[in-house]
């Protein structure tokens, strides 16, 4: 790891109440790591009996819709923008559900339960397919032990779709 400010190689130093933290001897400062933040969306229809899953281009697995939060943008602004960009659907309302660090992409995921009008999607180049599913179908299609499954199962529980 290198300092994002001066390029000096970072070393690990002990910081009370924090543990080992990257440290720059050139800047004489602790440099806490940065990582991106993204919204993850458990998209449901108005009746909350269908969930929208997506396959990304070149990927065989169904996932929840997600997207990075742009610099200066709030998560609440990223939700309708990402949903519109990826599917051409309009987000009607949303509420925060949970967060989880996603190690595979080094990103903090903020999951929201998003209500959208059920309808046909117009996909952008990122997505190969979308599919409105029943809760049971969504459970069977989502990759087991994944961040998407964690959010999906929790959101379904939150929505009262435990079956």
N, C-alpha and C. Protein backbone atom coordinates (compact mmCIF):
# COMPACT_ATOMS: atom_id res chain seq x y z
N UNK A 1 0.84 -1.18 0.00
CA UNK A 1 0.00 0.00 0.00
C UNK A 1 0.88 1.24 0.00
N UNK A 2 0.38 2.24 -0.72
CA UNK A 2 1.12 3.50 -0.83
C UNK A 2 0.22 4.66 -0.43
N UNK A 3 0.83 5.72 0.05
CA UNK A 3 0.10 6.90 0.48
C UNK A 3 -0.60 7.54 -0.72
N UNK A 4 -1.87 7.82 -0.57
CA UNK A 4 -2.64 8.44 -1.66
C UNK A 4 -2.28 9.91 -1.84
N UNK A 5 -1.57 10.49 -0.87
CA UNK A 5 -1.20 11.90 -0.95
C UNK A 5 0.20 12.13 -1.51
N UNK A 6 1.18 11.30 -1.06
CA UNK A 6 2.57 11.55 -1.48
C UNK A 6 3.21 10.37 -2.21
N UNK A 7 2.59 9.21 -2.17
CA UNK A 7 3.13 8.04 -2.87
C UNK A 7 4.11 7.20 -2.07
N UNK A 8 4.42 7.62 -0.84
CA UNK A 8 5.34 6.88 0.03
C UNK A 8 4.73 5.52 0.39
N UNK A 9 5.59 4.51 0.50
CA UNK A 9 5.11 3.19 0.93
C UNK A 9 4.65 3.28 2.38
N UNK A 10 3.46 2.73 2.65
CA UNK A 10 2.90 2.78 4.00
C UNK A 10 3.39 1.61 4.83
N UNK A 11 3.52 1.85 6.12
CA UNK A 11 3.85 0.80 7.08
C UNK A 11 2.68 0.69 8.06
N UNK A 12 2.61 -0.42 8.76
CA UNK A 12 1.56 -0.57 9.76
C UNK A 12 2.08 -0.13 11.11
N UNK A 13 1.31 0.71 11.79
CA UNK A 13 1.65 1.16 13.13
C UNK A 13 0.43 0.97 14.02
N UNK A 14 0.72 0.74 15.28
CA UNK A 14 -0.36 0.57 16.24
C UNK A 14 -0.95 1.92 16.61
N UNK A 15 -2.27 2.02 16.57
CA UNK A 15 -2.98 3.22 16.99
C UNK A 15 -3.98 2.79 18.06
N UNK A 16 -3.85 3.40 19.23
CA UNK A 16 -4.70 3.01 20.36
C UNK A 16 -6.17 3.07 19.96
N UNK A 17 -6.91 2.06 20.34
CA UNK A 17 -8.34 1.88 20.08
C UNK A 17 -8.64 1.57 18.62
N UNK A 18 -7.63 1.47 17.77
CA UNK A 18 -7.83 1.16 16.35
C UNK A 18 -7.07 -0.09 15.92
N UNK A 19 -5.95 -0.40 16.58
CA UNK A 19 -5.13 -1.53 16.18
C UNK A 19 -4.08 -1.09 15.17
N UNK A 20 -3.70 -2.01 14.28
CA UNK A 20 -2.70 -1.69 13.25
C UNK A 20 -3.36 -0.92 12.12
N UNK A 21 -2.78 0.23 11.81
CA UNK A 21 -3.33 1.13 10.79
C UNK A 21 -2.19 1.54 9.86
N UNK A 22 -2.44 1.62 8.55
CA UNK A 22 -1.40 2.11 7.64
C UNK A 22 -0.94 3.52 8.05
N UNK A 23 0.39 3.71 7.96
CA UNK A 23 0.99 4.96 8.40
C UNK A 23 1.99 5.43 7.36
N UNK A 24 1.98 6.75 7.08
CA UNK A 24 2.93 7.33 6.14
C UNK A 24 3.98 8.11 6.92
N UNK A 25 5.23 7.67 6.80
CA UNK A 25 6.31 8.36 7.50
C UNK A 25 6.61 9.73 6.88
N UNK A 26 6.38 9.86 5.57
CA UNK A 26 6.62 11.13 4.87
C UNK A 26 5.61 12.20 5.33
N UNK A 27 4.33 11.85 5.40
CA UNK A 27 3.28 12.79 5.83
C UNK A 27 3.14 12.84 7.35
N UNK A 28 3.72 11.82 8.02
CA UNK A 28 3.64 11.70 9.47
C UNK A 28 2.17 11.62 9.93
N UNK A 29 1.40 10.77 9.20
CA UNK A 29 -0.03 10.62 9.51
C UNK A 29 -0.48 9.19 9.28
N UNK A 30 -1.49 8.80 10.06
CA UNK A 30 -2.17 7.54 9.80
C UNK A 30 -3.06 7.73 8.58
N UNK A 31 -3.11 6.71 7.73
CA UNK A 31 -3.87 6.79 6.48
C UNK A 31 -4.89 5.64 6.46
N UNK A 32 -6.08 5.93 6.94
CA UNK A 32 -7.12 4.91 6.93
C UNK A 32 -7.50 4.59 5.49
N UNK A 33 -7.70 3.31 5.19
CA UNK A 33 -8.00 2.92 3.80
C UNK A 33 -9.35 3.46 3.32
N UNK A 34 -9.39 3.84 2.06
CA UNK A 34 -10.63 4.23 1.40
C UNK A 34 -11.13 3.05 0.59
N UNK A 35 -12.41 2.92 0.48
CA UNK A 35 -12.98 1.95 -0.44
C UNK A 35 -14.31 2.49 -0.92
N UNK A 36 -14.74 2.06 -2.09
CA UNK A 36 -15.97 2.60 -2.67
C UNK A 36 -17.23 2.16 -1.91
N UNK A 37 -18.29 2.91 -2.12
CA UNK A 37 -19.59 2.61 -1.54
C UNK A 37 -20.59 2.48 -2.69
N UNK A 38 -21.46 1.47 -2.57
CA UNK A 38 -22.46 1.23 -3.61
C UNK A 38 -23.81 0.96 -2.98
N UNK A 39 -24.86 1.21 -3.77
CA UNK A 39 -26.19 0.82 -3.35
C UNK A 39 -26.50 -0.55 -3.93
N UNK A 40 -27.14 -1.36 -3.14
CA UNK A 40 -27.68 -2.65 -3.58
C UNK A 40 -29.18 -2.51 -3.43
N UNK A 41 -29.92 -2.99 -4.42
CA UNK A 41 -31.37 -2.78 -4.41
C UNK A 41 -32.13 -4.09 -4.50
N UNK A 42 -32.94 -4.35 -3.47
CA UNK A 42 -33.91 -5.43 -3.54
C UNK A 42 -35.16 -4.77 -4.10
N UNK A 43 -35.32 -4.88 -5.42
CA UNK A 43 -36.41 -4.19 -6.12
C UNK A 43 -37.66 -5.06 -6.08
N UNK A 44 -38.76 -4.48 -5.59
CA UNK A 44 -40.04 -5.17 -5.51
C UNK A 44 -41.09 -4.37 -6.28
N UNK A 45 -42.16 -5.08 -6.68
CA UNK A 45 -43.29 -4.39 -7.30
C UNK A 45 -44.16 -3.78 -6.20
N UNK A 46 -45.20 -3.04 -6.59
CA UNK A 46 -46.05 -2.36 -5.60
C UNK A 46 -46.70 -3.34 -4.63
N UNK A 47 -47.10 -4.50 -5.13
CA UNK A 47 -47.74 -5.50 -4.28
C UNK A 47 -46.73 -6.23 -3.38
N UNK A 48 -45.47 -6.01 -3.61
CA UNK A 48 -44.38 -6.64 -2.88
C UNK A 48 -44.43 -8.16 -2.95
N UNK A 49 -44.91 -8.68 -4.09
CA UNK A 49 -44.95 -10.13 -4.27
C UNK A 49 -44.04 -10.60 -5.39
N UNK A 50 -43.27 -9.67 -5.98
CA UNK A 50 -42.29 -10.02 -7.00
C UNK A 50 -41.02 -9.23 -6.76
N UNK A 51 -39.90 -9.88 -7.08
CA UNK A 51 -38.57 -9.29 -6.91
C UNK A 51 -37.89 -9.28 -8.27
N UNK A 52 -37.20 -8.20 -8.58
CA UNK A 52 -36.49 -8.09 -9.84
C UNK A 52 -35.04 -8.55 -9.66
N UNK A 53 -34.67 -9.59 -10.38
CA UNK A 53 -33.28 -10.06 -10.39
C UNK A 53 -32.68 -9.76 -11.76
N UNK A 54 -31.36 -9.71 -11.81
CA UNK A 54 -30.67 -9.38 -13.06
C UNK A 54 -29.45 -10.27 -13.26
N UNK A 55 -29.15 -10.50 -14.54
CA UNK A 55 -27.89 -11.15 -14.91
C UNK A 55 -27.05 -10.08 -15.59
N UNK A 56 -25.84 -9.90 -15.09
CA UNK A 56 -24.93 -8.95 -15.72
C UNK A 56 -24.32 -9.58 -16.97
N UNK A 57 -23.94 -8.77 -17.91
CA UNK A 57 -23.35 -9.23 -19.15
C UNK A 57 -22.15 -10.13 -18.87
N UNK A 58 -22.18 -11.32 -19.43
CA UNK A 58 -21.10 -12.28 -19.26
C UNK A 58 -21.16 -13.06 -17.96
N UNK A 59 -22.21 -12.89 -17.18
CA UNK A 59 -22.34 -13.57 -15.89
C UNK A 59 -23.51 -14.55 -15.95
N UNK A 60 -23.35 -15.69 -15.36
CA UNK A 60 -24.40 -16.71 -15.37
C UNK A 60 -25.34 -16.62 -14.18
N UNK A 61 -24.97 -15.86 -13.17
CA UNK A 61 -25.75 -15.84 -11.93
C UNK A 61 -26.67 -14.63 -11.87
N UNK A 62 -27.83 -14.87 -11.27
CA UNK A 62 -28.76 -13.77 -11.00
C UNK A 62 -28.29 -13.04 -9.76
N UNK A 63 -28.43 -11.72 -9.80
CA UNK A 63 -28.03 -10.87 -8.68
C UNK A 63 -29.08 -9.80 -8.47
N UNK A 64 -28.92 -9.08 -7.38
CA UNK A 64 -29.73 -7.89 -7.16
C UNK A 64 -29.13 -6.76 -7.98
N UNK A 65 -29.91 -5.76 -8.27
CA UNK A 65 -29.38 -4.59 -8.96
C UNK A 65 -28.52 -3.79 -8.00
N UNK A 66 -27.48 -3.18 -8.51
CA UNK A 66 -26.57 -2.43 -7.65
C UNK A 66 -25.82 -1.41 -8.50
N UNK A 67 -25.25 -0.43 -7.84
CA UNK A 67 -24.44 0.54 -8.55
C UNK A 67 -23.66 1.40 -7.58
N UNK A 68 -22.55 1.92 -8.06
CA UNK A 68 -21.69 2.76 -7.24
C UNK A 68 -22.31 4.13 -7.00
N UNK A 69 -22.06 4.66 -5.84
CA UNK A 69 -22.47 6.02 -5.52
C UNK A 69 -21.39 6.95 -6.07
N UNK A 70 -21.80 7.92 -6.85
CA UNK A 70 -20.84 8.85 -7.45
C UNK A 70 -20.37 9.89 -6.43
N UNK A 71 -19.19 10.44 -6.67
CA UNK A 71 -18.64 11.47 -5.79
C UNK A 71 -19.64 12.62 -5.68
N UNK A 72 -19.94 13.00 -4.44
CA UNK A 72 -20.86 14.10 -4.18
C UNK A 72 -22.32 13.69 -4.19
N UNK A 73 -22.62 12.43 -4.45
CA UNK A 73 -23.99 11.94 -4.55
C UNK A 73 -24.37 11.20 -3.26
N UNK A 74 -25.61 11.31 -2.86
CA UNK A 74 -26.08 10.54 -1.71
C UNK A 74 -26.59 9.18 -2.19
N UNK A 75 -26.71 8.25 -1.27
CA UNK A 75 -27.27 6.94 -1.60
C UNK A 75 -28.70 7.10 -2.12
N UNK A 76 -29.44 8.02 -1.51
CA UNK A 76 -30.83 8.26 -1.91
C UNK A 76 -30.94 8.78 -3.34
N UNK A 77 -29.95 9.48 -3.81
CA UNK A 77 -29.94 9.96 -5.21
C UNK A 77 -29.45 8.86 -6.15
N UNK A 78 -28.57 7.99 -5.66
CA UNK A 78 -28.03 6.93 -6.50
C UNK A 78 -29.08 5.87 -6.83
N UNK A 79 -30.01 5.62 -5.93
CA UNK A 79 -31.02 4.57 -6.14
C UNK A 79 -31.84 4.82 -7.41
N UNK A 80 -32.57 5.94 -7.51
CA UNK A 80 -33.37 6.12 -8.73
C UNK A 80 -32.52 6.26 -9.99
N UNK A 81 -31.33 6.87 -9.85
CA UNK A 81 -30.46 7.01 -11.01
C UNK A 81 -30.01 5.65 -11.53
N UNK A 82 -29.51 4.80 -10.64
CA UNK A 82 -29.02 3.48 -11.05
C UNK A 82 -30.15 2.61 -11.61
N UNK A 83 -31.30 2.62 -10.96
CA UNK A 83 -32.42 1.80 -11.44
C UNK A 83 -32.84 2.25 -12.84
N UNK A 84 -32.92 3.55 -13.06
CA UNK A 84 -33.30 4.08 -14.37
C UNK A 84 -32.23 3.76 -15.41
N UNK A 85 -30.95 3.96 -15.06
CA UNK A 85 -29.86 3.69 -16.00
C UNK A 85 -29.81 2.22 -16.42
N UNK A 86 -30.00 1.31 -15.47
CA UNK A 86 -29.83 -0.10 -15.76
C UNK A 86 -31.07 -0.77 -16.35
N UNK A 87 -32.27 -0.30 -15.98
CA UNK A 87 -33.49 -1.01 -16.39
C UNK A 87 -34.53 -0.12 -17.05
N UNK A 88 -34.39 1.16 -16.94
CA UNK A 88 -35.37 2.15 -17.38
C UNK A 88 -36.64 2.14 -16.53
N UNK A 89 -36.59 1.50 -15.36
CA UNK A 89 -37.72 1.52 -14.43
C UNK A 89 -37.58 2.71 -13.50
N UNK A 90 -38.71 3.16 -12.98
CA UNK A 90 -38.73 4.30 -12.07
C UNK A 90 -38.91 3.82 -10.64
N UNK A 91 -38.03 4.27 -9.77
CA UNK A 91 -38.15 3.97 -8.34
C UNK A 91 -39.26 4.85 -7.77
N UNK A 92 -40.21 4.22 -7.09
CA UNK A 92 -41.33 4.95 -6.50
C UNK A 92 -41.01 5.36 -5.07
N UNK A 93 -40.49 4.40 -4.31
CA UNK A 93 -40.09 4.67 -2.92
C UNK A 93 -39.03 3.67 -2.54
N UNK A 94 -38.30 3.97 -1.49
CA UNK A 94 -37.26 3.07 -1.02
C UNK A 94 -37.01 3.32 0.46
N UNK A 95 -36.46 2.27 1.08
CA UNK A 95 -36.06 2.40 2.48
C UNK A 95 -34.80 1.58 2.71
N UNK A 96 -33.98 2.10 3.58
CA UNK A 96 -32.73 1.42 3.91
C UNK A 96 -33.04 0.12 4.61
N UNK A 97 -32.31 -0.94 4.23
CA UNK A 97 -32.46 -2.21 4.92
C UNK A 97 -31.21 -2.55 5.75
N UNK A 98 -30.06 -2.69 5.10
CA UNK A 98 -28.85 -3.14 5.81
C UNK A 98 -27.61 -2.78 5.00
N UNK A 99 -26.46 -2.89 5.66
CA UNK A 99 -25.19 -2.70 4.97
C UNK A 99 -24.31 -3.91 5.19
N UNK A 100 -23.38 -4.11 4.27
CA UNK A 100 -22.44 -5.23 4.40
C UNK A 100 -21.23 -4.94 3.52
N UNK A 101 -20.06 -5.23 4.07
CA UNK A 101 -18.83 -5.11 3.29
C UNK A 101 -18.76 -6.29 2.32
N UNK A 102 -18.52 -6.00 1.06
CA UNK A 102 -18.43 -7.03 0.01
C UNK A 102 -16.96 -7.16 -0.40
N UNK A 103 -16.30 -8.17 0.15
CA UNK A 103 -14.87 -8.34 -0.02
C UNK A 103 -14.45 -8.55 -1.47
N UNK A 104 -15.25 -9.27 -2.25
CA UNK A 104 -14.88 -9.59 -3.62
C UNK A 104 -14.59 -8.35 -4.46
N UNK A 105 -15.27 -7.25 -4.16
CA UNK A 105 -15.05 -6.01 -4.91
C UNK A 105 -14.54 -4.87 -4.02
N UNK A 106 -14.22 -5.19 -2.75
CA UNK A 106 -13.73 -4.18 -1.82
C UNK A 106 -14.65 -2.97 -1.78
N UNK A 107 -15.93 -3.23 -1.50
CA UNK A 107 -16.92 -2.16 -1.52
C UNK A 107 -17.89 -2.33 -0.34
N UNK A 108 -18.31 -1.22 0.23
CA UNK A 108 -19.35 -1.24 1.24
C UNK A 108 -20.68 -1.15 0.51
N UNK A 109 -21.53 -2.16 0.69
CA UNK A 109 -22.83 -2.21 0.03
C UNK A 109 -23.90 -1.72 1.01
N UNK A 110 -24.71 -0.77 0.56
CA UNK A 110 -25.85 -0.27 1.33
C UNK A 110 -27.10 -0.79 0.64
N UNK A 111 -27.82 -1.69 1.28
CA UNK A 111 -28.99 -2.30 0.64
C UNK A 111 -30.27 -1.54 0.99
N UNK A 112 -31.06 -1.32 -0.03
CA UNK A 112 -32.36 -0.67 0.11
C UNK A 112 -33.42 -1.57 -0.49
N UNK A 113 -34.59 -1.57 0.14
CA UNK A 113 -35.76 -2.21 -0.46
C UNK A 113 -36.42 -1.12 -1.28
N UNK A 114 -36.49 -1.35 -2.60
CA UNK A 114 -36.95 -0.33 -3.54
C UNK A 114 -38.23 -0.80 -4.21
N UNK A 115 -39.26 0.01 -4.17
CA UNK A 115 -40.50 -0.27 -4.88
C UNK A 115 -40.43 0.40 -6.24
N UNK A 116 -40.73 -0.38 -7.28
CA UNK A 116 -40.75 0.14 -8.66
C UNK A 116 -41.99 -0.37 -9.36
N UNK A 117 -42.40 0.31 -10.40
CA UNK A 117 -43.51 -0.18 -11.22
C UNK A 117 -43.06 -1.46 -11.90
N UNK A 118 -43.86 -2.50 -11.76
CA UNK A 118 -43.54 -3.75 -12.45
C UNK A 118 -43.79 -3.52 -13.93
N UNK A 119 -42.84 -3.91 -14.73
CA UNK A 119 -42.99 -3.70 -16.16
C UNK A 119 -41.81 -4.26 -16.90
N UNK A 120 -41.86 -4.06 -18.20
CA UNK A 120 -40.78 -4.53 -19.05
C UNK A 120 -39.59 -3.60 -18.87
N UNK A 121 -38.43 -4.18 -18.85
CA UNK A 121 -37.22 -3.40 -18.66
C UNK A 121 -36.52 -3.17 -20.00
N UNK A 122 -35.83 -2.06 -20.08
CA UNK A 122 -34.95 -1.77 -21.22
C UNK A 122 -33.55 -1.78 -20.65
N UNK A 123 -32.78 -2.76 -21.05
CA UNK A 123 -31.48 -2.98 -20.43
C UNK A 123 -30.39 -2.11 -21.06
N UNK A 124 -29.44 -1.70 -20.21
CA UNK A 124 -28.26 -1.04 -20.74
C UNK A 124 -27.19 -2.11 -20.99
N UNK A 125 -26.00 -1.69 -21.36
CA UNK A 125 -24.94 -2.64 -21.74
C UNK A 125 -24.42 -3.47 -20.56
N UNK A 126 -24.71 -3.06 -19.34
CA UNK A 126 -24.25 -3.80 -18.16
C UNK A 126 -25.05 -5.07 -17.92
N UNK A 127 -26.31 -5.08 -18.34
CA UNK A 127 -27.20 -6.19 -18.03
C UNK A 127 -27.55 -7.00 -19.26
N UNK A 128 -27.60 -8.31 -19.08
CA UNK A 128 -27.98 -9.24 -20.13
C UNK A 128 -29.45 -9.61 -20.04
N UNK A 129 -29.96 -9.65 -18.80
CA UNK A 129 -31.34 -10.10 -18.58
C UNK A 129 -31.84 -9.61 -17.24
N UNK A 130 -33.14 -9.35 -17.17
CA UNK A 130 -33.80 -9.10 -15.90
C UNK A 130 -35.00 -10.03 -15.83
N UNK A 131 -35.44 -10.29 -14.60
CA UNK A 131 -36.56 -11.22 -14.43
C UNK A 131 -37.31 -10.89 -13.15
N UNK A 132 -38.63 -10.69 -13.27
CA UNK A 132 -39.49 -10.53 -12.10
C UNK A 132 -39.79 -11.92 -11.58
N UNK A 133 -39.51 -12.16 -10.31
CA UNK A 133 -39.63 -13.48 -9.70
C UNK A 133 -40.52 -13.44 -8.47
N UNK A 134 -41.13 -14.57 -8.16
CA UNK A 134 -41.79 -14.71 -6.87
C UNK A 134 -40.69 -14.79 -5.82
N UNK A 135 -41.02 -14.58 -4.56
CA UNK A 135 -39.98 -14.73 -3.52
C UNK A 135 -39.31 -16.10 -3.55
N UNK A 136 -40.09 -17.16 -3.76
CA UNK A 136 -39.49 -18.50 -3.81
C UNK A 136 -38.56 -18.66 -5.01
N UNK A 137 -38.95 -18.14 -6.16
CA UNK A 137 -38.08 -18.20 -7.34
C UNK A 137 -36.79 -17.43 -7.10
N UNK A 138 -36.93 -16.25 -6.50
CA UNK A 138 -35.74 -15.42 -6.23
C UNK A 138 -34.79 -16.16 -5.30
N UNK A 139 -35.33 -16.79 -4.26
CA UNK A 139 -34.49 -17.56 -3.32
C UNK A 139 -33.73 -18.67 -4.05
N UNK A 140 -34.39 -19.32 -5.00
CA UNK A 140 -33.74 -20.45 -5.69
C UNK A 140 -32.75 -19.99 -6.75
N UNK A 141 -32.92 -18.79 -7.29
CA UNK A 141 -32.04 -18.31 -8.36
C UNK A 141 -30.80 -17.58 -7.87
N UNK A 142 -30.88 -16.97 -6.70
CA UNK A 142 -29.77 -16.16 -6.21
C UNK A 142 -28.63 -17.07 -5.73
N UNK A 143 -27.41 -16.64 -5.92
CA UNK A 143 -26.25 -17.45 -5.55
C UNK A 143 -26.19 -17.67 -4.03
N UNK A 144 -26.12 -18.93 -3.60
CA UNK A 144 -26.04 -19.21 -2.17
C UNK A 144 -24.76 -18.63 -1.54
N UNK A 145 -24.88 -18.21 -0.30
CA UNK A 145 -23.76 -17.68 0.48
C UNK A 145 -23.19 -16.37 -0.07
N UNK A 146 -23.93 -15.69 -0.92
CA UNK A 146 -23.45 -14.44 -1.51
C UNK A 146 -23.99 -13.23 -0.75
N UNK A 147 -23.40 -12.08 -1.00
CA UNK A 147 -23.92 -10.83 -0.44
C UNK A 147 -25.34 -10.60 -0.93
N UNK A 148 -25.61 -10.92 -2.20
CA UNK A 148 -26.96 -10.76 -2.75
C UNK A 148 -27.96 -11.63 -1.99
N UNK A 149 -27.58 -12.86 -1.67
CA UNK A 149 -28.49 -13.74 -0.92
C UNK A 149 -28.72 -13.17 0.47
N UNK A 150 -27.67 -12.69 1.10
CA UNK A 150 -27.80 -12.10 2.44
C UNK A 150 -28.83 -10.97 2.42
N UNK A 151 -28.71 -10.06 1.46
CA UNK A 151 -29.66 -8.94 1.37
C UNK A 151 -31.05 -9.42 0.98
N UNK A 152 -31.15 -10.33 0.02
CA UNK A 152 -32.45 -10.81 -0.43
C UNK A 152 -33.22 -11.47 0.71
N UNK A 153 -32.58 -12.41 1.40
CA UNK A 153 -33.27 -13.12 2.47
C UNK A 153 -33.69 -12.18 3.60
N UNK A 154 -32.83 -11.25 3.93
CA UNK A 154 -33.17 -10.27 4.96
C UNK A 154 -34.31 -9.37 4.53
N UNK A 155 -34.28 -8.91 3.29
CA UNK A 155 -35.35 -8.04 2.78
C UNK A 155 -36.68 -8.79 2.73
N UNK A 156 -36.64 -10.04 2.29
CA UNK A 156 -37.88 -10.83 2.25
C UNK A 156 -38.43 -11.02 3.66
N UNK A 157 -37.57 -11.25 4.61
CA UNK A 157 -37.99 -11.36 6.00
C UNK A 157 -38.62 -10.05 6.47
N UNK A 158 -37.97 -8.95 6.13
CA UNK A 158 -38.46 -7.62 6.48
C UNK A 158 -39.84 -7.36 5.85
N UNK A 159 -40.03 -7.84 4.64
CA UNK A 159 -41.30 -7.66 3.93
C UNK A 159 -42.37 -8.66 4.38
N UNK A 160 -41.98 -9.61 5.23
CA UNK A 160 -42.94 -10.60 5.69
C UNK A 160 -43.14 -11.75 4.73
N UNK A 161 -42.16 -11.99 3.86
CA UNK A 161 -42.23 -13.08 2.86
C UNK A 161 -41.34 -14.22 3.29
N UNK A 162 -41.51 -14.70 4.50
CA UNK A 162 -40.63 -15.72 5.09
C UNK A 162 -40.82 -17.10 4.47
N UNK A 163 -41.96 -17.34 3.89
CA UNK A 163 -42.32 -18.67 3.38
C UNK A 163 -41.24 -19.34 2.58
